C-alpha atoms as a PDB file:
ATOM      1  CA  MET A   1      -5.021 -21.087   3.291  1.00  0.00           C
ATOM      2  CA  PRO A   2      -6.834 -22.653   6.202  1.00  0.00           C
ATOM      3  CA  ASN A   3      -8.980 -20.322   8.297  1.00  0.00           C
ATOM      4  CA  ALA A   4      -8.649 -17.683   5.530  1.00  0.00           C
ATOM      5  CA  ARG A   5      -5.274 -16.557   6.861  1.00  0.00           C
ATOM      6  CA  ALA A   6      -2.027 -16.332   4.949  1.00  0.00           C
ATOM      7  CA  SER A   7       0.497 -18.923   6.041  1.00  0.00           C
ATOM      8  CA  SER A   8       3.578 -17.182   4.711  1.00  0.00           C
ATOM      9  CA  ILE A   9       6.810 -16.178   6.375  1.00  0.00           C
ATOM     10  CA  CYS A  10       7.448 -12.482   6.735  1.00  0.00           C
ATOM     11  CA  ARG A  11      10.336 -11.589   4.417  1.00  0.00           C
ATOM     12  CA  ASN A  12      11.316  -8.630   6.564  1.00  0.00           C
ATOM     13  CA  CYS A  13      11.716 -10.343   9.945  1.00  0.00           C
ATOM     14  CA  ASN A  14      11.357 -14.087   9.090  1.00  0.00           C
ATOM     15  CA  ASP A  15       8.487 -14.462  11.558  1.00  0.00           C
ATOM     16  CA  ASN A  16       7.049 -17.976  11.254  1.00  0.00           C
ATOM     17  CA  GLN A  17       3.611 -16.969  12.522  1.00  0.00           C
ATOM     18  CA  HIS A  18       0.695 -16.135  10.261  1.00  0.00           C
ATOM     19  CA  LEU A  19       0.980 -12.792   8.558  1.00  0.00           C
ATOM     20  CA  SER A  20      -1.617 -10.305   9.608  1.00  0.00           C
ATOM     21  CA  ARG A  21      -2.388  -6.738   8.643  1.00  0.00           C
ATOM     22  CA  ASN A  22      -1.172  -5.497  12.047  1.00  0.00           C
ATOM     23  CA  HIS A  23       2.093  -7.430  11.735  1.00  0.00           C
ATOM     24  CA  VAL A  24       2.803  -5.918   8.306  1.00  0.00           C
ATOM     25  CA  ILE A  25       2.014  -2.402   9.558  1.00  0.00           C
ATOM     26  CA  SER A  26       4.357  -2.710  12.526  1.00  0.00           C
ATOM     27  CA  CYS A  27       7.097  -4.762  10.830  1.00  0.00           C
ATOM     28  CA  PHE A  28       7.485  -2.446   7.850  1.00  0.00           C
ATOM     29  CA  ASN A  29       6.829   0.712   9.898  1.00  0.00           C
ATOM     30  CA  LEU A  30       4.182   1.797   7.403  1.00  0.00           C
ATOM     31  CA  HIS A  31       3.126   4.866   9.382  1.00  0.00           C
ATOM     32  CA  ALA A  32       6.518   6.465   8.771  1.00  0.00           C
ATOM     33  CA  PHE A  33       6.874   5.085   5.236  1.00  0.00           C
ATOM     34  CA  LEU A  34       3.468   6.414   4.142  1.00  0.00           C
ATOM     35  CA  ASN A  35       3.837   9.615   6.179  1.00  0.00           C
ATOM     36  CA  VAL A  36       0.636   8.969   8.139  1.00  0.00           C
ATOM     37  CA  PRO A  37       0.119  10.016  11.798  1.00  0.00           C
ATOM     38  CA  TYR A  38       0.500   7.193  14.333  1.00  0.00           C
ATOM     39  CA  VAL A  39      -3.011   7.819  15.706  1.00  0.00           C
ATOM     40  CA  VAL A  40      -4.452   6.355  12.472  1.00  0.00           C
ATOM     41  CA  PRO A  41      -4.974   2.635  13.199  1.00  0.00           C
ATOM     42  CA  ASP A  42      -4.812   1.464   9.559  1.00  0.00           C
ATOM     43  CA  PRO A  43      -2.421   3.505   7.364  1.00  0.00           C
ATOM     44  CA  ILE A  44      -3.017   1.347   4.280  1.00  0.00           C
ATOM     45  CA  SER A  45      -6.755   2.061   4.150  1.00  0.00           C
ATOM     46  CA  PHE A  46      -6.132   5.685   5.116  1.00  0.00           C
ATOM     47  CA  VAL A  47      -3.918   6.242   2.055  1.00  0.00           C
ATOM     48  CA  LEU A  48      -6.110   4.251  -0.333  1.00  0.00           C
ATOM     49  CA  ASN A  49      -9.288   6.047   0.769  1.00  0.00           C
ATOM     50  CA  SER A  50      -7.796   9.540   0.631  1.00  0.00           C
ATOM     51  CA  PRO A  51      -8.665  11.744  -2.348  1.00  0.00           C
ATOM     52  CA  PRO A  52      -6.121  12.189  -5.171  1.00  0.00           C
ATOM     53  CA  THR A  53      -3.535  14.950  -4.728  1.00  0.00           C
ATOM     54  CA  LYS A  54      -3.313  15.876  -8.432  1.00  0.00           C
ATOM     55  CA  ARG A  55      -5.900  16.604 -11.079  1.00  0.00           C
ATOM     56  CA  PRO A  56      -6.420  13.931 -13.762  1.00  0.00           C
ATOM     57  CA  THR A  57      -4.286  14.163 -16.891  1.00  0.00           C
ATOM     58  CA  PRO A  58      -6.081  15.536 -19.980  1.00  0.00           C
ATOM     59  CA  ASN A  59      -6.817  13.006 -22.733  1.00  0.00           C
ATOM     60  CA  SER A  60      -4.701  14.955 -25.227  1.00  0.00           C
ATOM     61  CA  ASN A  61      -1.608  14.388 -23.074  1.00  0.00           C
ATOM     62  CA  LYS A  62      -2.415  10.715 -22.736  1.00  0.00           C
ATOM     63  CA  ARG A  63      -2.760  10.304 -26.519  1.00  0.00           C
ATOM     64  CA  TYR A  64       0.514  12.180 -27.096  1.00  0.00           C
ATOM     65  CA  TRP A  65       2.515   9.970 -24.736  1.00  0.00           C
ATOM     66  CA  LYS A  66       0.844   6.827 -26.055  1.00  0.00           C
ATOM     67  CA  TYR A  67       1.864   7.862 -29.587  1.00  0.00           C
ATOM     68  CA  ILE A  68       5.429   8.712 -28.528  1.00  0.00           C
ATOM     69  CA  TRP A  69       5.999   5.442 -26.643  1.00  0.00           C
ATOM     70  CA  SER A  70       4.288   3.154 -29.188  1.00  0.00           C
END
């Protein structure tokens, strides 16, 4: 990867240029897919940096499902 940029072809639109974060956001229409307002410049970071929507699962439930699926 010269210049620290990915030199891949976009699988969605077959663009031969270097993939960039902005290209992926626009090509895959991530604002609509992730249900993020269009005024947010980076929907990927917005979703990853948002707090969780559910409380963590209790350890007793985790042990139960681990036992059931083992």
